[in-house]
Amino acid sequence: MPDTKAMPAYITTPIYYVNDKPHIGHAYTTTICDVWARAMRFGGHDVFFLTGTDEHGVKVEKSARERGIEPQALADENAAEFQKVMGLFNLSNDDFIRTTEPRHEEQVRAFVKRLHEQGDIYLGEFEGWYDEGQEEYHTETKAKEYEYKSPISGKPLVRATETNYYFRLSAYQERLERFFEENPDFVRPEARRNEILGRLREGLLDVPVTRTNFSWGIPFPGDEDHVIYVWIDALMNYATALGMADPESSDRARYWPASFHVIGKEILWFHAVIWPALLMALDLPQPRCVYAHSFWISEGQKMSKSMGNFIDLEQLQGYMETYGRDALRYFLATQGPLGATDSDFSRSQFHETYTTDLVNTVGNCASRTSAMIGKYCDGKCPADTGDCAGGGIEWPEFTAEQVDASIRAMERFDLAGSIGAAMAIVRKVDGFINETAPFKLAKQPGTESQVGDILYRCAEAVRIAACLLEAVMPDRMNDLREAWNLGEPSGDLRSECAWGALQSGTTIEKVALFPRVEFKESE
C-alpha cells in the first residue's frame, strides 16, 4: 500500500448559508466533492473533505427576529438540516465546520487582527449601492450596469452609506494579475476564468470587512461596534478548519492548501479574487483550483418556488426511495453542470439515464456474467488460460488505458470523463458477450476451456470497472464486492485495477444491482 501521508489532498464545498433549507444545489456540490474525495482515498491519498454552514449575518438575524427566536437557535435548527444531508446522501466528509463555533471565531479574529496590525485593513467610509441578499456593496458604475438590481436575485439595490473597516484589495491588483497569468488553471472552467479576468481589467476597489447595521457576527478585534463582514468570516473557514491561524500546533496543517474549492458560479468573485488576496496578505499558499460549477434548472426552466419546479430535499429523497441512493449520485455526477452551462434536472432524463446506464449496462452486464459463471462454472471464477477465441480485444491493454484515463480525469475533477472511461469497460464487456456468445458455445462439447476464458475476461473487466465506479456508487459496488468475494479496497487503485487480480476458484454469486423501475408520467 502506498504511503498515504506523503500524498495529502484537500477538497471543500462552500459553507452553506443557514437562512434556507437544503436543496439540490447544496446536495449536488457536496456529492461531487464526496465522489472526488472517495476516489482520491481509493488512490492512496490522505484526504480531508470539508463542508459546513455559514451562520452569521443580517439575514439570519432578521429571520430569527421575525420568528421570535435567537439567531443561534435558528442557526442550530438549520445547521442540523444540513448535517442530516450528510447521512442521507452517504457523504464521507471529514469535518463539518460551523462559523458560530469558538474554534472558527477565535481564528477569524486572529487573522483579522493580523491584517489590521500590518496595515492591510483600515477604517474608511463608503457610499454606494447595497445588495441585501448577497450582503455586497456595488459602486455607481456597477449598479448602473446591473440596472440597480441584484445580479443574483434581481431585487432592487439599496442606497447606503456606512463607515467600515476595509481590506486594501486594490493593493493586490498586480500580484493577482501575475498570479492568474502564471496559474491558468486556478479558476475553472475556462469560461469562469475569463469572467474574472474581465473584471480584473476594470480595476480593483477596496472591500469592506465589517458592518455596523447588525450585531449577529464576530466582533472586530479592538472595535466591537463593528461586526466582521459575513463573507470575510465565511471565506476563512477553509483555513480555520485546519487550524491555520497557528499551523505549528495543528495536526491538520499538512492538508493546506486546498486541491479544490468547489463552489457555485454566483460566488466566484469572492473565491477567485478576494480570497486569494487575503491569502497573499496572510502569507499563506494559494489553493490549486477554484472550480465554479453552473446551476441546475428543472424541466427546462429556471427553478422557482413560485413555479413549483424547485427541487428540494424531500423530492431528492423521493428519487432515492424509487431508484436508490447510488442512482441519484450517478445522475448528479454524470449529468450535472460542471461545465459553463446549466444542466436540466428532468424526471424523464433521470429515468432514461438510470435505465440505460445502470439497469441495462452496469447491472445487466454484472448479472449476465455472474449468472453464466453460476450456470457453466458452478459459481466459481474460471481459470484464465490466456487463449480466447473471438472478440479481438486485448483486454489487459484496453482496461489499462481506461483505468489510466479514468484516474487522470478524476484527478483534474472531470467526473463525467472519469466515470465515462469506467463505463467504456462495461460496454465493451456487453459487446464482447454478444459477439462471443458463451451461452451458445457452452452447448457444444469440449468448449469448457473456451467458455471459461470468455467468462474470466468478462468478470475481470467488470471487477476493474466496479473499482473505478466505487467512488460514485459506493453502495452498489460494495454489493458487487461482497457477492463476488473481492475483499476490501486496497487503497492503491492502480494496482487493484491491474489485469489478472481476480483469482480462479473465487465464488461468484449472481447479483441484481439495479432493479428496473417503471416510469409513471403522472408522478
Protein backbone atom coordinates (compact mmCIF):
# COMPACT_ATOMS: atom_id res chain seq x y z
CA MET A 1 0.00 0.00 0.00
CA PRO A 2 1.35 3.49 -0.82
CA ASP A 3 2.47 5.94 1.84
CA THR A 4 -0.71 7.98 2.13
CA LYS A 5 0.88 10.51 4.49
CA ALA A 6 3.03 11.67 1.58
CA MET A 7 0.02 12.48 -0.60
CA PRO A 8 -2.40 14.84 1.17
CA ALA A 9 -5.46 16.07 -0.72
CA TYR A 10 -7.93 18.71 0.49
CA ILE A 11 -11.34 19.47 -1.03
CA THR A 12 -14.01 21.87 0.19
CA THR A 13 -17.59 22.78 -0.57
CA PRO A 14 -18.75 26.31 0.10
CA ILE A 15 -20.18 26.56 3.58
CA TYR A 16 -23.94 26.78 3.18
CA TYR A 17 -25.91 29.73 4.47
CA VAL A 18 -28.36 28.67 7.18
CA ASN A 19 -31.08 31.13 6.24
CA ASP A 20 -32.67 28.49 4.00
CA LYS A 21 -33.25 24.75 3.86
CA PRO A 22 -31.03 22.38 1.85
CA HIS A 23 -31.94 21.85 -1.82
CA ILE A 24 -30.46 20.29 -4.95
CA GLY A 25 -27.70 22.90 -5.24
CA HIS A 26 -26.33 22.01 -1.82
CA ALA A 27 -26.75 18.28 -2.41
CA TYR A 28 -25.04 18.50 -5.80
CA THR A 29 -21.92 20.36 -4.70
CA THR A 30 -21.40 18.18 -1.65
CA THR A 31 -21.98 14.96 -3.60
CA ILE A 32 -19.49 15.71 -6.35
CA CYS A 33 -16.89 16.64 -3.72
CA ASP A 34 -17.64 13.35 -1.99
CA VAL A 35 -17.08 11.41 -5.24
CA TRP A 36 -13.68 13.05 -5.70
CA ALA A 37 -12.71 12.54 -2.05
CA ARG A 38 -13.60 8.84 -2.18
CA ALA A 39 -11.72 8.38 -5.44
CA MET A 40 -8.61 10.02 -4.02
CA ARG A 41 -8.79 7.81 -0.92
CA PHE A 42 -9.08 4.73 -3.14
CA GLY A 43 -5.98 6.01 -4.92
CA GLY A 44 -3.98 6.11 -1.71
CA HIS A 45 -4.20 9.81 -0.87
CA ASP A 46 -4.59 11.16 2.65
CA VAL A 47 -7.80 13.13 2.05
CA PHE A 48 -9.50 15.86 4.04
CA PHE A 49 -13.03 16.71 2.86
CA LEU A 50 -14.64 19.77 4.44
CA THR A 51 -18.16 21.13 4.36
CA GLY A 52 -20.25 23.13 6.82
CA THR A 53 -22.54 26.08 7.44
CA ASP A 54 -22.23 29.87 7.30
CA GLU A 55 -24.28 31.16 10.23
CA HIS A 56 -23.67 34.88 10.76
CA GLY A 57 -25.07 37.97 9.04
CA VAL A 58 -28.06 40.25 8.83
CA LYS A 59 -30.31 37.72 7.05
CA VAL A 60 -30.04 35.21 9.89
CA GLU A 61 -30.56 37.95 12.44
CA LYS A 62 -33.62 39.28 10.59
CA SER A 63 -35.18 35.84 10.02
CA ALA A 64 -34.69 34.90 13.68
CA ARG A 65 -36.32 38.15 14.80
CA GLU A 66 -39.32 37.51 12.56
CA ARG A 67 -39.78 34.10 14.18
CA GLY A 68 -39.25 35.42 17.68
CA ILE A 69 -36.18 33.28 18.38
CA GLU A 70 -32.47 33.93 18.92
CA PRO A 71 -30.17 33.86 15.87
CA GLN A 72 -28.21 30.99 17.41
CA ALA A 73 -31.39 28.93 17.72
CA LEU A 74 -32.16 29.46 14.02
CA ALA A 75 -28.58 28.61 13.10
CA ASP A 76 -28.72 25.42 15.19
CA GLU A 77 -32.00 24.38 13.60
CA ASN A 78 -30.91 24.83 10.01
CA ALA A 79 -27.37 23.55 10.54
CA ALA A 80 -28.95 20.31 11.76
CA GLU A 81 -30.85 20.10 8.46
CA PHE A 82 -27.61 20.38 6.51
CA GLN A 83 -25.92 17.79 8.71
CA LYS A 84 -28.86 15.48 8.04
CA VAL A 85 -28.00 15.63 4.32
CA MET A 86 -24.58 14.15 5.06
CA GLY A 87 -26.08 10.87 6.24
CA LEU A 88 -28.91 10.85 3.73
CA PHE A 89 -26.50 11.05 0.78
CA ASN A 90 -23.84 8.82 2.35
CA LEU A 91 -21.28 11.63 2.33
CA SER A 92 -17.81 10.99 3.70
CA ASN A 93 -16.83 14.48 4.87
CA ASP A 94 -14.07 14.55 7.47
CA ASP A 95 -15.36 17.67 9.19
CA PHE A 96 -18.46 19.85 9.32
CA ILE A 97 -17.50 23.36 10.35
CA ARG A 98 -19.94 25.93 11.71
CA THR A 99 -18.95 29.60 11.76
CA THR A 100 -20.51 30.03 15.21
CA GLU A 101 -18.04 27.55 16.73
CA PRO A 102 -15.38 29.04 19.03
CA ARG A 103 -12.56 27.32 17.07
CA HIS A 104 -13.62 29.30 13.99
CA GLU A 105 -14.43 32.63 15.63
CA GLU A 106 -11.15 32.77 17.56
CA GLN A 107 -9.07 32.17 14.44
CA VAL A 108 -11.04 34.69 12.35
CA ARG A 109 -10.34 37.34 14.98
CA ALA A 110 -6.66 36.37 14.95
CA PHE A 111 -6.45 36.62 11.15
CA VAL A 112 -8.29 39.97 11.04
CA LYS A 113 -6.17 41.36 13.89
CA ARG A 114 -3.02 40.41 11.97
CA LEU A 115 -4.30 42.09 8.78
CA HIS A 116 -5.23 45.24 10.71
CA GLU A 117 -1.91 45.48 12.50
CA GLN A 118 0.08 45.15 9.28
CA GLY A 119 -1.95 47.84 7.51
CA ASP A 120 -3.99 45.68 5.14
CA ILE A 121 -7.18 46.77 6.93
CA TYR A 122 -8.09 50.41 7.59
CA LEU A 123 -11.11 52.45 8.78
CA GLY A 124 -12.95 54.27 5.96
CA GLU A 125 -16.32 55.35 4.61
CA PHE A 126 -18.23 54.04 1.60
CA GLU A 127 -21.28 55.33 -0.16
CA GLY A 128 -22.83 53.08 -2.78
CA TRP A 129 -25.45 50.53 -3.64
CA TYR A 130 -26.04 47.60 -1.34
CA ASP A 131 -27.29 44.14 -2.34
CA GLU A 132 -29.10 42.97 0.78
CA GLY A 133 -29.45 39.39 -0.44
CA GLN A 134 -25.75 38.96 -1.18
CA GLU A 135 -24.63 41.40 1.53
CA GLU A 136 -22.40 43.09 -1.02
CA TYR A 137 -21.75 46.75 -1.96
CA HIS A 138 -21.57 47.97 -5.58
CA THR A 139 -20.16 51.20 -6.99
CA GLU A 140 -22.34 53.55 -9.00
CA THR A 141 -20.80 52.20 -12.20
CA LYS A 142 -21.58 48.57 -11.39
CA ALA A 143 -25.03 49.39 -10.03
CA LYS A 144 -25.89 51.19 -13.27
CA GLU A 145 -24.61 48.21 -15.27
CA TYR A 146 -26.90 45.97 -13.22
CA GLU A 147 -29.79 48.43 -13.72
CA TYR A 148 -29.75 48.98 -9.95
CA LYS A 149 -30.84 45.40 -9.32
CA SER A 150 -29.05 42.48 -7.72
CA PRO A 151 -27.26 40.45 -10.43
CA ILE A 152 -28.16 37.35 -8.42
CA SER A 153 -31.71 37.83 -7.09
CA GLY A 154 -32.95 40.64 -9.33
CA LYS A 155 -34.18 42.60 -6.28
CA PRO A 156 -33.56 46.38 -6.15
CA LEU A 157 -30.24 47.57 -4.75
CA VAL A 158 -30.44 49.90 -1.73
CA ARG A 159 -28.54 53.21 -1.49
CA ALA A 160 -26.40 53.18 1.66
CA THR A 161 -23.56 54.99 3.37
CA GLU A 162 -21.51 53.25 6.00
CA THR A 163 -18.28 53.66 7.95
CA ASN A 164 -16.48 50.35 7.89
CA TYR A 165 -13.09 48.77 8.10
CA TYR A 166 -11.76 47.99 4.62
CA PHE A 167 -9.34 45.47 3.19
CA ARG A 168 -6.84 47.01 0.73
CA LEU A 169 -7.83 44.77 -2.17
CA SER A 170 -6.62 47.40 -4.66
CA ALA A 171 -3.06 46.93 -3.38
CA TYR A 172 -3.08 43.37 -4.71
CA GLN A 173 -4.11 44.19 -8.29
CA GLU A 174 -0.72 43.49 -9.88
CA ARG A 175 0.00 40.42 -7.76
CA LEU A 176 -3.36 38.92 -8.64
CA GLU A 177 -2.90 39.61 -12.36
CA ARG A 178 0.52 37.97 -12.25
CA PHE A 179 -0.87 35.02 -10.28
CA PHE A 180 -3.62 34.41 -12.86
CA GLU A 181 -1.09 34.62 -15.68
CA GLU A 182 1.20 32.08 -14.01
CA ASN A 183 -1.64 29.74 -12.97
CA PRO A 184 -4.02 29.34 -15.95
CA ASP A 185 -5.94 26.50 -14.27
CA PHE A 186 -6.56 28.35 -11.00
CA VAL A 187 -10.17 29.12 -11.96
CA ARG A 188 -12.11 26.51 -13.89
CA PRO A 189 -13.93 26.03 -16.17
CA GLU A 190 -12.27 28.40 -18.63
CA ALA A 191 -15.40 30.49 -19.17
CA ARG A 192 -15.41 31.36 -15.46
CA ARG A 193 -11.71 32.27 -15.59
CA ASN A 194 -12.41 34.63 -18.48
CA GLU A 195 -15.15 36.33 -16.44
CA ILE A 196 -12.71 37.00 -13.62
CA LEU A 197 -10.01 38.30 -15.97
CA GLY A 198 -12.56 40.69 -17.47
CA ARG A 199 -13.48 42.07 -14.06
CA LEU A 200 -9.83 42.33 -13.03
CA ARG A 201 -9.17 44.58 -16.01
CA GLU A 202 -11.75 47.03 -14.66
CA GLY A 203 -9.53 47.60 -11.62
CA LEU A 204 -9.98 46.55 -8.01
CA LEU A 205 -11.57 48.60 -5.24
CA ASP A 206 -11.02 48.11 -1.54
CA VAL A 207 -13.71 45.98 0.09
CA PRO A 208 -15.44 46.35 3.47
CA VAL A 209 -14.59 43.74 6.09
CA THR A 210 -17.00 44.97 8.78
CA ARG A 211 -20.63 46.07 9.16
CA THR A 212 -22.43 48.17 11.75
CA ASN A 213 -26.03 47.55 10.62
CA PHE A 214 -26.38 44.26 12.54
CA SER A 215 -24.85 42.56 15.57
CA TRP A 216 -25.05 38.83 14.72
CA GLY A 217 -21.44 38.19 13.84
CA ILE A 218 -17.86 38.12 15.10
CA PRO A 219 -16.86 41.42 16.75
CA PHE A 220 -13.95 43.25 15.10
CA PRO A 221 -10.89 42.98 17.36
CA GLY A 222 -10.30 46.29 19.11
CA ASP A 223 -13.56 47.90 17.95
CA GLU A 224 -16.60 45.86 18.91
CA ASP A 225 -19.04 48.39 17.46
CA HIS A 226 -18.12 46.71 14.17
CA VAL A 227 -19.01 43.15 13.20
CA ILE A 228 -16.82 41.24 10.76
CA TYR A 229 -18.42 41.04 7.33
CA VAL A 230 -20.05 37.65 6.84
CA TRP A 231 -18.23 36.98 3.58
CA ILE A 232 -14.77 37.51 5.10
CA ASP A 233 -15.80 35.38 8.07
CA ALA A 234 -17.11 32.64 5.75
CA LEU A 235 -14.10 32.50 3.42
CA MET A 236 -11.77 31.92 6.32
CA ASN A 237 -13.48 28.63 7.23
CA TYR A 238 -11.24 26.83 4.76
CA ALA A 239 -8.24 27.83 6.85
CA THR A 240 -9.78 27.72 10.33
CA ALA A 241 -10.94 24.11 9.90
CA LEU A 242 -7.28 23.16 9.57
CA GLY A 243 -6.11 25.42 12.39
CA MET A 244 -4.11 27.64 10.04
CA ALA A 245 -4.11 30.62 12.40
CA ASP A 246 -1.47 28.60 14.27
CA PRO A 247 -0.33 25.89 11.85
CA GLU A 248 2.61 24.83 14.01
CA SER A 249 0.23 23.44 16.62
CA SER A 250 -2.29 21.91 14.18
CA ASP A 251 -2.19 18.25 13.13
CA ARG A 252 -4.28 19.20 10.06
CA ALA A 253 -1.95 21.83 8.61
CA ARG A 254 -0.42 19.25 6.25
CA TYR A 255 -3.58 19.40 4.11
CA TRP A 256 -3.09 23.07 3.24
CA PRO A 257 -3.55 24.39 0.59
CA ALA A 258 -6.78 23.06 -0.89
CA SER A 259 -6.64 20.93 -4.02
CA PHE A 260 -10.12 22.19 -4.95
CA HIS A 261 -12.53 24.79 -3.62
CA VAL A 262 -15.75 23.67 -5.34
CA ILE A 263 -18.41 26.39 -5.46
CA GLY A 264 -21.40 27.67 -7.44
CA LYS A 265 -20.65 30.29 -10.09
CA GLU A 266 -22.58 33.02 -8.23
CA ILE A 267 -19.89 33.30 -5.52
CA LEU A 268 -16.85 33.10 -7.79
CA TRP A 269 -15.63 36.69 -7.27
CA PHE A 270 -15.22 36.20 -3.55
CA HIS A 271 -13.30 32.95 -4.00
CA ALA A 272 -11.25 33.85 -7.07
CA VAL A 273 -10.20 37.41 -6.16
CA ILE A 274 -10.92 38.42 -2.55
CA TRP A 275 -9.86 35.08 -1.04
CA PRO A 276 -6.53 34.85 -2.93
CA ALA A 277 -5.75 38.46 -1.97
CA LEU A 278 -6.46 37.70 1.69
CA LEU A 279 -4.18 34.66 1.49
CA MET A 280 -1.45 36.80 -0.08
CA ALA A 281 -1.80 39.28 2.78
CA LEU A 282 -1.65 36.46 5.32
CA ASP A 283 1.32 34.87 3.53
CA LEU A 284 -0.50 31.55 3.07
CA PRO A 285 -0.17 29.34 -0.05
CA GLN A 286 -2.93 29.55 -2.64
CA PRO A 287 -5.41 26.73 -3.41
CA ARG A 288 -4.66 24.74 -6.54
CA CYS A 289 -8.05 25.37 -8.15
CA VAL A 290 -11.33 27.18 -7.58
CA TYR A 291 -13.91 25.18 -9.53
CA ALA A 292 -17.11 27.15 -10.12
CA HIS A 293 -19.88 24.96 -11.49
CA SER A 294 -23.08 26.20 -13.11
CA PHE A 295 -26.69 25.79 -11.93
CA TRP A 296 -29.39 23.17 -12.18
CA ILE A 297 -32.60 24.11 -13.94
CA SER A 298 -35.75 21.99 -13.66
CA GLU A 299 -37.76 20.59 -16.56
CA GLY A 300 -36.16 23.15 -18.90
CA GLN A 301 -36.90 26.19 -16.73
CA LYS A 302 -35.08 28.14 -14.05
CA MET A 303 -36.01 26.79 -10.63
CA SER A 304 -38.57 28.81 -8.72
CA LYS A 305 -40.59 28.01 -5.62
CA SER A 306 -43.50 30.02 -7.00
CA MET A 307 -43.49 27.94 -10.22
CA GLY A 308 -43.45 24.73 -8.23
CA ASN A 309 -40.39 23.30 -10.01
CA PHE A 310 -37.93 23.81 -7.16
CA ILE A 311 -36.13 20.55 -6.33
CA ASP A 312 -35.85 20.37 -2.57
CA LEU A 313 -34.58 17.75 -0.17
CA GLU A 314 -37.94 16.00 0.02
CA GLN A 315 -38.05 15.47 -3.74
CA LEU A 316 -34.49 14.17 -3.79
CA GLN A 317 -35.45 11.68 -1.07
CA GLY A 318 -38.27 10.54 -3.34
CA TYR A 319 -35.81 9.80 -6.15
CA MET A 320 -33.63 7.82 -3.74
CA GLU A 321 -36.58 5.80 -2.46
CA THR A 322 -37.61 4.90 -6.01
CA TYR A 323 -34.27 4.44 -7.74
CA GLY A 324 -31.75 4.09 -4.90
CA ARG A 325 -29.18 6.45 -3.45
CA ASP A 326 -26.43 5.47 -5.88
CA ALA A 327 -28.66 6.22 -8.86
CA LEU A 328 -29.05 9.81 -7.67
CA ARG A 329 -25.30 10.11 -7.04
CA TYR A 330 -24.59 8.78 -10.53
CA PHE A 331 -27.03 11.20 -12.17
CA LEU A 332 -25.64 14.21 -10.31
CA ALA A 333 -22.05 13.27 -11.12
CA THR A 334 -22.55 12.49 -14.81
CA GLN A 335 -25.34 14.88 -15.83
CA GLY A 336 -24.55 17.82 -13.56
CA PRO A 337 -23.45 21.36 -14.51
CA LEU A 338 -19.68 21.07 -14.05
CA GLY A 339 -19.16 22.96 -17.29
CA ALA A 340 -20.01 26.53 -18.23
CA THR A 341 -23.69 25.84 -18.97
CA ASP A 342 -26.59 24.96 -16.70
CA SER A 343 -27.96 21.40 -16.56
CA ASP A 344 -31.57 20.28 -16.67
CA PHE A 345 -32.89 18.01 -13.92
CA SER A 346 -35.90 16.34 -15.52
CA ARG A 347 -37.73 13.21 -14.41
CA SER A 348 -37.62 11.69 -17.89
CA GLN A 349 -33.87 12.27 -18.24
CA PHE A 350 -33.23 10.84 -14.79
CA HIS A 351 -35.23 7.73 -15.62
CA GLU A 352 -33.55 7.33 -19.01
CA THR A 353 -30.06 7.67 -17.52
CA TYR A 354 -30.89 5.15 -14.80
CA THR A 355 -32.35 2.64 -17.24
CA THR A 356 -29.70 3.00 -19.96
CA ASP A 357 -26.53 3.29 -17.89
CA LEU A 358 -27.30 1.45 -14.68
CA VAL A 359 -30.02 -1.13 -15.40
CA ASN A 360 -29.14 -2.07 -18.98
CA THR A 361 -25.38 -1.59 -18.81
CA VAL A 362 -23.75 -1.95 -15.37
CA GLY A 363 -26.47 -4.05 -13.78
CA ASN A 364 -27.18 -6.23 -16.80
CA CYS A 365 -23.52 -6.88 -17.52
CA ALA A 366 -22.73 -7.91 -13.94
CA SER A 367 -25.88 -10.04 -13.82
CA ARG A 368 -25.22 -11.82 -17.14
CA THR A 369 -21.62 -12.53 -16.25
CA SER A 370 -22.34 -13.88 -12.77
CA ALA A 371 -25.34 -15.90 -14.00
CA MET A 372 -23.26 -17.62 -16.70
CA ILE A 373 -20.45 -18.35 -14.25
CA GLY A 374 -23.07 -19.88 -11.97
CA LYS A 375 -24.52 -21.96 -14.79
CA TYR A 376 -21.39 -23.06 -16.65
CA CYS A 377 -18.66 -22.88 -13.98
CA ASP A 378 -20.51 -23.97 -10.83
CA GLY A 379 -20.39 -20.44 -9.45
CA LYS A 380 -16.58 -20.37 -9.35
CA CYS A 381 -14.39 -17.93 -11.25
CA PRO A 382 -12.91 -19.91 -14.16
CA ALA A 383 -9.19 -20.13 -14.83
CA ASP A 384 -7.65 -17.92 -17.49
CA THR A 385 -5.63 -19.98 -19.96
CA GLY A 386 -4.61 -16.87 -21.86
CA ASP A 387 -6.29 -18.14 -25.00
CA CYS A 388 -9.63 -16.66 -26.00
CA ALA A 389 -11.43 -17.27 -29.24
CA GLY A 390 -13.31 -14.32 -30.73
CA GLY A 391 -13.77 -10.75 -29.64
CA GLY A 392 -10.47 -9.43 -30.94
CA ILE A 393 -9.89 -7.43 -27.75
CA GLU A 394 -6.55 -7.14 -25.96
CA TRP A 395 -8.19 -6.91 -22.55
CA PRO A 396 -5.13 -6.11 -20.38
CA GLU A 397 -4.15 -3.24 -22.67
CA PHE A 398 -7.68 -1.94 -23.17
CA THR A 399 -8.56 -1.90 -19.46
CA ALA A 400 -5.18 -0.35 -18.56
CA GLU A 401 -5.91 2.54 -20.97
CA GLN A 402 -9.35 3.11 -19.47
CA VAL A 403 -8.05 2.88 -15.90
CA ASP A 404 -5.40 5.49 -16.63
CA ALA A 405 -7.92 7.74 -18.37
CA SER A 406 -10.41 7.37 -15.50
CA ILE A 407 -7.90 8.14 -12.75
CA ARG A 408 -6.38 11.10 -14.59
CA ALA A 409 -9.81 12.58 -15.33
CA MET A 410 -10.84 12.27 -11.69
CA GLU A 411 -7.64 13.92 -10.50
CA ARG A 412 -8.50 17.02 -12.57
CA PHE A 413 -12.13 16.94 -11.38
CA ASP A 414 -13.57 15.73 -14.66
CA LEU A 415 -16.13 13.44 -13.03
CA ALA A 416 -18.11 12.63 -16.16
CA GLY A 417 -14.90 11.81 -18.03
CA SER A 418 -13.66 9.55 -15.26
CA ILE A 419 -16.96 7.69 -14.99
CA GLY A 420 -17.21 7.52 -18.78
CA ALA A 421 -13.89 5.66 -19.01
CA ALA A 422 -15.14 3.08 -16.48
CA MET A 423 -18.42 2.72 -18.34
CA ALA A 424 -16.49 2.12 -21.56
CA ILE A 425 -15.11 -1.07 -20.00
CA VAL A 426 -18.60 -2.28 -19.09
CA ARG A 427 -19.95 -1.52 -22.56
CA LYS A 428 -17.02 -3.38 -24.11
CA VAL A 429 -17.90 -6.42 -21.99
CA ASP A 430 -21.51 -6.23 -23.15
CA GLY A 431 -20.44 -6.22 -26.78
CA PHE A 432 -17.92 -8.99 -26.13
CA ILE A 433 -20.62 -11.25 -24.66
CA ASN A 434 -22.87 -10.64 -27.66
CA GLU A 435 -20.06 -11.36 -30.11
CA THR A 436 -18.56 -14.45 -28.47
CA ALA A 437 -21.95 -15.83 -27.28
CA PRO A 438 -20.64 -18.07 -24.48
CA PHE A 439 -24.22 -19.14 -23.78
CA LYS A 440 -24.27 -20.77 -27.24
CA LEU A 441 -20.69 -22.02 -27.12
CA ALA A 442 -21.37 -23.85 -23.85
CA LYS A 443 -23.87 -26.12 -25.60
CA GLN A 444 -21.09 -27.57 -27.79
CA PRO A 445 -18.99 -30.42 -26.38
CA GLY A 446 -15.38 -29.76 -25.43
CA THR A 447 -15.72 -25.98 -25.16
CA GLU A 448 -15.40 -25.67 -21.37
CA SER A 449 -11.98 -24.03 -21.59
CA GLN A 450 -13.10 -21.52 -24.22
CA VAL A 451 -16.20 -20.60 -22.25
CA GLY A 452 -14.09 -20.21 -19.12
CA ASP A 453 -11.65 -17.91 -20.91
CA ILE A 454 -14.50 -15.71 -22.15
CA LEU A 455 -16.21 -15.51 -18.78
CA TYR A 456 -12.96 -14.81 -16.95
CA ARG A 457 -12.41 -11.79 -19.19
CA CYS A 458 -15.96 -10.61 -18.59
CA ALA A 459 -15.72 -10.97 -14.81
CA GLU A 460 -12.27 -9.41 -14.56
CA ALA A 461 -13.25 -6.42 -16.71
CA VAL A 462 -16.43 -5.88 -14.68
CA ARG A 463 -14.37 -6.08 -11.47
CA ILE A 464 -11.98 -3.39 -12.74
CA ALA A 465 -14.85 -1.14 -13.83
CA ALA A 466 -16.51 -1.61 -10.43
CA CYS A 467 -13.34 -0.44 -8.67
CA LEU A 468 -13.39 2.74 -10.77
CA LEU A 469 -17.13 3.28 -10.19
CA GLU A 470 -16.99 2.69 -6.44
CA ALA A 471 -16.42 6.37 -5.63
CA VAL A 472 -19.67 7.39 -7.33
CA MET A 473 -21.75 4.33 -6.40
CA PRO A 474 -20.33 3.02 -3.10
CA ASP A 475 -23.44 1.07 -2.01
CA ARG A 476 -23.98 -0.99 -5.17
CA MET A 477 -20.30 -1.56 -5.92
CA ASN A 478 -19.85 -2.78 -2.35
CA ASP A 479 -22.71 -5.22 -3.00
CA LEU A 480 -20.75 -6.49 -6.00
CA ARG A 481 -17.59 -6.80 -3.91
CA GLU A 482 -19.44 -8.93 -1.38
CA ALA A 483 -21.24 -11.13 -3.94
CA TRP A 484 -18.02 -11.75 -5.86
CA ASN A 485 -15.78 -12.04 -2.77
CA LEU A 486 -13.45 -9.28 -3.93
CA GLY A 487 -12.40 -8.12 -0.46
CA GLU A 488 -11.99 -4.57 0.77
CA PRO A 489 -10.49 -1.73 -1.34
CA SER A 490 -6.71 -1.90 -1.15
CA GLY A 491 -6.01 1.84 -1.04
CA ASP A 492 -3.92 1.50 -4.21
CA LEU A 493 -6.43 1.88 -7.04
CA ARG A 494 -3.98 1.48 -9.91
CA SER A 495 -2.62 -1.78 -8.55
CA GLU A 496 -6.10 -3.04 -7.72
CA CYS A 497 -7.17 -2.34 -11.31
CA ALA A 498 -4.27 -4.29 -12.81
CA TRP A 499 -5.43 -7.13 -15.05
CA GLY A 500 -5.38 -10.61 -13.53
CA ALA A 501 -6.13 -9.84 -9.89
CA LEU A 502 -9.32 -11.92 -9.92
CA GLN A 503 -8.34 -15.41 -8.76
CA SER A 504 -9.72 -18.58 -10.32
CA GLY A 505 -11.90 -20.54 -7.93
CA THR A 506 -13.31 -17.39 -6.31
CA THR A 507 -17.00 -17.82 -5.51
CA ILE A 508 -19.09 -15.53 -7.68
CA GLU A 509 -22.75 -15.17 -6.79
CA LYS A 510 -25.36 -13.74 -9.13
CA VAL A 511 -26.09 -10.06 -8.47
CA ALA A 512 -29.04 -7.82 -9.31
CA LEU A 513 -27.61 -4.36 -8.68
CA PHE A 514 -30.19 -2.07 -10.27
CA PRO A 515 -33.83 -3.20 -10.45
CA ARG A 516 -35.91 -2.00 -13.37
CA VAL A 517 -38.25 0.88 -12.47
CA GLU A 518 -41.45 1.70 -14.34
CA PHE A 519 -41.70 5.35 -15.38
CA LYS A 520 -45.01 6.93 -14.47
CA GLU A 521 -45.72 10.10 -16.41
CA SER A 522 -48.31 11.30 -13.91
CA GLU A 523 -45.93 11.49 -10.94
